[in-house]
Amino acid sequence: MNSDRTLPWDWHPGRVPDNVILAPEAYLETTYSFECFRSHRPESVRIGRGASIYLGVMFDLGPNASVSIGEFSLLNGSRIICDASITIGAYCLVSWNTVLMDSHRVPRDTQERRALLEAVGRSPDRHINAGAPATPIVIGKGVWLGFDSCVLPGVEIGDGAIVGARSVVRESVPAYSIVAGNPARVVRQLDPAESKKAVDAAIARFNPNAASP
């Protein structure tokens, strides 16, 4: 990142917001990822060492939102809709077209939703400012979210879990389990010892000085 918080390789004429903490060893492909960013928190986004944020990732953050992305995690084409907090642990793989949302942002009541849409149509910034309840999302270490999956408000995903492609996760996921479907359900339990052994072997191969997640 340049001193003016632009990216030397960026095709988009933007800059990294001042309240985004980007580790020197992290990679951010483009500042376009912050086109929907509105957070005023002092450390609204923290991107850890070795993390990779590729094209298509959108930080759609409300005024009081915060997001933390752990070391060596990789996000590709994900939509992060956050009004409270979303935490992604180290060594996570978040596939393309995934959605993480800690708030639905709009009311379920039809009349209330209609009034909100009318207000958006009259507002100068065209943003939804519903003040709907938000519940934090916590994703543990070494988690893999398959493509097109959606994680809903209040969900916690345990370490080493795998979420199958196109799953809708509305309940918390146990550590070292595989879930799939809509709604997502546990389809298999992984062996934590075997999983950790495989992770340790991979880390030793590609990054001998790093600690396992």
Protein backbone atom coordinates (compact mmCIF):
# COMPACT_ATOMS: atom_id res chain seq x y z
CA MET A 1 0.00 0.00 0.00
CA ASN A 2 1.27 3.46 -0.92
CA SER A 3 1.64 6.28 1.61
CA ASP A 4 -1.60 7.88 0.33
CA ARG A 5 -3.39 4.54 0.96
CA THR A 6 -3.79 3.73 -2.72
CA LEU A 7 -2.70 0.39 -4.17
CA PRO A 8 0.05 0.49 -6.83
CA TRP A 9 -1.61 -2.27 -8.90
CA ASP A 10 -5.20 -1.05 -8.52
CA TRP A 11 -7.41 -0.50 -11.59
CA HIS A 12 -9.92 1.44 -9.44
CA PRO A 13 -9.14 5.08 -8.55
CA GLY A 14 -9.87 4.64 -4.84
CA ARG A 15 -8.00 4.41 -1.57
CA VAL A 16 -8.05 2.18 1.48
CA PRO A 17 -10.15 3.91 4.18
CA ASP A 18 -8.20 5.34 7.11
CA ASN A 19 -9.95 3.08 9.61
CA VAL A 20 -8.99 -0.11 7.76
CA ILE A 21 -5.95 -1.91 9.22
CA LEU A 22 -4.12 -3.80 6.49
CA ALA A 23 -1.15 -5.92 7.59
CA PRO A 24 1.98 -5.28 5.49
CA GLU A 25 2.07 -8.92 4.34
CA ALA A 26 -1.64 -8.99 3.39
CA TYR A 27 -2.90 -8.66 -0.20
CA LEU A 28 -5.86 -6.51 -1.25
CA GLU A 29 -6.57 -6.66 -4.97
CA THR A 30 -8.62 -3.48 -5.30
CA THR A 31 -10.05 -0.59 -3.30
CA TYR A 32 -13.33 -1.18 -5.13
CA SER A 33 -14.01 -3.61 -2.29
CA PHE A 34 -14.86 -0.54 -0.16
CA GLU A 35 -17.45 1.07 -2.46
CA CYS A 36 -20.24 0.09 0.00
CA PHE A 37 -18.17 0.85 3.10
CA ARG A 38 -19.72 3.29 5.62
CA SER A 39 -18.27 2.29 8.99
CA HIS A 40 -17.03 4.99 11.38
CA ARG A 41 -15.44 2.59 13.86
CA PRO A 42 -11.76 3.41 14.63
CA GLU A 43 -10.68 -0.07 13.46
CA SER A 44 -13.58 -1.05 11.25
CA VAL A 45 -11.71 -3.70 9.25
CA ARG A 46 -8.59 -5.59 10.27
CA ILE A 47 -6.94 -7.79 7.63
CA GLY A 48 -4.30 -10.06 9.12
CA ARG A 49 -0.84 -11.09 8.03
CA GLY A 50 -0.74 -13.10 4.83
CA ALA A 51 -4.49 -12.76 4.18
CA SER A 52 -5.64 -12.42 0.55
CA ILE A 53 -8.67 -10.34 -0.49
CA TYR A 54 -9.42 -10.83 -4.18
CA LEU A 55 -11.64 -9.18 -6.78
CA GLY A 56 -15.36 -9.27 -6.00
CA VAL A 57 -15.05 -9.07 -2.23
CA MET A 58 -17.33 -6.26 -1.02
CA PHE A 59 -17.19 -4.80 2.47
CA ASP A 60 -20.81 -3.63 2.81
CA LEU A 61 -20.45 -2.19 6.31
CA GLY A 62 -22.90 -0.01 8.20
CA PRO A 63 -21.84 2.93 10.41
CA ASN A 64 -21.04 0.84 13.52
CA ALA A 65 -19.75 -2.33 11.88
CA SER A 66 -16.42 -4.08 12.34
CA VAL A 67 -14.84 -7.01 10.48
CA SER A 68 -11.76 -9.02 11.40
CA ILE A 69 -10.02 -11.38 8.95
CA GLY A 70 -7.39 -13.70 10.38
CA GLU A 71 -3.90 -14.55 9.18
CA PHE A 72 -3.53 -16.38 5.87
CA SER A 73 -7.27 -16.44 5.18
CA LEU A 74 -8.40 -16.10 1.57
CA LEU A 75 -11.61 -14.45 0.36
CA ASN A 76 -12.66 -14.46 -3.30
CA GLY A 77 -15.83 -12.75 -4.50
CA SER A 78 -17.54 -12.63 -1.10
CA ARG A 79 -20.20 -10.15 0.00
CA ILE A 80 -19.77 -9.14 3.65
CA ILE A 81 -22.91 -7.43 4.92
CA CYS A 82 -22.19 -6.23 8.42
CA ASP A 83 -23.92 -3.90 10.88
CA ALA A 84 -22.43 -5.32 14.11
CA SER A 85 -19.38 -7.59 13.73
CA ILE A 86 -18.10 -10.46 11.63
CA THR A 87 -14.98 -12.37 12.66
CA ILE A 88 -13.16 -14.76 10.33
CA GLY A 89 -10.37 -16.82 11.90
CA ALA A 90 -6.94 -17.70 10.54
CA TYR A 91 -6.38 -20.06 7.59
CA CYS A 92 -9.97 -19.82 6.33
CA LEU A 93 -11.01 -20.31 2.70
CA VAL A 94 -14.09 -18.30 1.68
CA SER A 95 -15.13 -19.17 -1.87
CA TRP A 96 -16.71 -17.04 -4.58
CA ASN A 97 -20.29 -15.71 -4.37
CA THR A 98 -20.49 -16.39 -0.65
CA VAL A 99 -22.58 -14.06 1.51
CA LEU A 100 -21.98 -13.35 5.19
CA MET A 101 -24.70 -11.20 6.72
CA ASP A 102 -25.10 -10.35 10.40
CA SER A 103 -28.29 -8.39 9.68
CA HIS A 104 -31.25 -8.72 7.32
CA ARG A 105 -31.41 -4.90 7.23
CA VAL A 106 -35.08 -4.85 6.28
CA PRO A 107 -38.16 -5.67 8.38
CA ARG A 108 -40.22 -8.79 7.73
CA ASP A 109 -43.50 -6.90 8.00
CA THR A 110 -44.76 -6.04 4.51
CA GLN A 111 -46.02 -2.55 5.35
CA GLU A 112 -42.84 -1.63 7.21
CA ARG A 113 -40.75 -2.88 4.31
CA ARG A 114 -42.83 -0.87 1.84
CA ALA A 115 -42.34 2.30 3.88
CA LEU A 116 -38.60 1.64 4.05
CA LEU A 117 -38.34 1.21 0.27
CA GLU A 118 -40.20 4.48 -0.24
CA ALA A 119 -37.76 6.21 2.11
CA VAL A 120 -34.79 4.78 0.20
CA GLY A 121 -36.28 6.15 -3.03
CA ARG A 122 -36.31 9.65 -1.55
CA SER A 123 -32.95 9.57 0.22
CA PRO A 124 -29.94 11.31 -1.38
CA ASP A 125 -27.55 8.38 -0.84
CA ARG A 126 -30.10 5.63 -1.73
CA HIS A 127 -28.91 3.51 1.21
CA ILE A 128 -31.06 1.30 3.40
CA ASN A 129 -30.84 2.66 6.95
CA ALA A 130 -33.39 0.49 8.67
CA GLY A 131 -31.68 -0.01 12.00
CA ALA A 132 -32.69 -3.67 11.94
CA PRO A 133 -31.22 -5.88 14.68
CA ALA A 134 -27.77 -7.29 13.96
CA THR A 135 -26.20 -10.35 15.58
CA PRO A 136 -22.45 -11.04 15.24
CA ILE A 137 -21.08 -13.86 13.11
CA VAL A 138 -18.01 -15.77 14.31
CA ILE A 139 -16.09 -18.12 12.00
CA GLY A 140 -13.36 -20.20 13.61
CA LYS A 141 -9.92 -21.14 12.34
CA GLY A 142 -9.36 -23.34 9.30
CA VAL A 143 -12.97 -23.11 8.06
CA TRP A 144 -13.88 -23.65 4.38
CA LEU A 145 -17.03 -22.00 3.01
CA GLY A 146 -18.06 -23.49 -0.35
CA PHE A 147 -19.17 -21.32 -3.26
CA ASP A 148 -22.63 -19.68 -3.21
CA SER A 149 -23.06 -20.45 0.49
CA CYS A 150 -24.80 -17.98 2.80
CA VAL A 151 -24.13 -17.46 6.51
CA LEU A 152 -27.00 -15.76 8.37
CA PRO A 153 -27.04 -13.54 11.50
CA GLY A 154 -25.85 -14.98 14.79
CA VAL A 155 -24.14 -18.05 13.35
CA GLU A 156 -20.94 -19.42 14.86
CA ILE A 157 -18.89 -21.88 12.79
CA GLY A 158 -16.41 -23.99 14.75
CA ASP A 159 -12.75 -24.57 13.90
CA GLY A 160 -12.02 -26.81 10.93
CA ALA A 161 -15.64 -27.00 9.72
CA ILE A 162 -16.60 -27.21 6.04
CA VAL A 163 -19.76 -25.65 4.59
CA GLY A 164 -20.89 -27.28 1.34
CA ALA A 165 -21.52 -25.28 -1.82
CA ARG A 166 -24.84 -23.41 -1.99
CA SER A 167 -25.68 -24.10 1.63
CA VAL A 168 -27.69 -21.70 3.78
CA VAL A 169 -26.31 -21.68 7.32
CA ARG A 170 -28.83 -20.38 9.82
CA GLU A 171 -27.69 -22.33 12.91
CA SER A 172 -24.26 -22.67 14.48
CA VAL A 173 -21.94 -25.36 13.10
CA PRO A 174 -19.91 -27.69 15.37
CA ALA A 175 -16.14 -27.73 15.00
CA TYR A 176 -14.68 -30.28 12.57
CA SER A 177 -18.00 -31.06 10.91
CA ILE A 178 -19.26 -30.89 7.33
CA VAL A 179 -22.63 -29.24 6.77
CA ALA A 180 -24.64 -28.95 3.56
CA GLY A 181 -28.10 -28.07 2.32
CA ASN A 182 -30.79 -25.44 2.81
CA PRO A 183 -30.98 -25.21 5.73
CA ALA A 184 -27.49 -26.61 6.32
CA ARG A 185 -27.30 -29.80 8.39
CA VAL A 186 -24.38 -31.90 9.60
CA VAL A 187 -23.64 -34.62 7.06
CA ARG A 188 -20.31 -35.83 8.40
CA GLN A 189 -18.02 -35.42 11.40
CA LEU A 190 -14.30 -35.00 10.82
CA ASP A 191 -11.53 -36.35 13.04
CA PRO A 192 -9.92 -33.30 14.72
CA ALA A 193 -6.60 -35.09 15.20
CA GLU A 194 -6.40 -36.13 11.54
CA SER A 195 -7.45 -32.67 10.39
CA LYS A 196 -4.83 -30.98 12.54
CA LYS A 197 -2.18 -33.41 11.31
CA ALA A 198 -2.98 -32.53 7.69
CA VAL A 199 -2.93 -28.80 8.42
CA ASP A 200 0.40 -29.07 10.25
CA ALA A 201 1.90 -30.95 7.31
CA ALA A 202 0.73 -28.30 4.85
CA ILE A 203 2.06 -25.46 6.98
CA ALA A 204 5.39 -27.19 7.43
CA ARG A 205 5.65 -27.58 3.66
CA PHE A 206 4.79 -24.03 2.62
CA ASN A 207 5.61 -21.95 5.70
CA PRO A 208 8.02 -23.83 8.02
CA ASN A 209 8.27 -20.98 10.56
CA ALA A 210 4.53 -20.55 11.07
CA ALA A 211 2.48 -21.97 13.92
CA SER A 212 -0.49 -24.20 13.12
CA PRO A 213 -3.99 -22.67 13.45
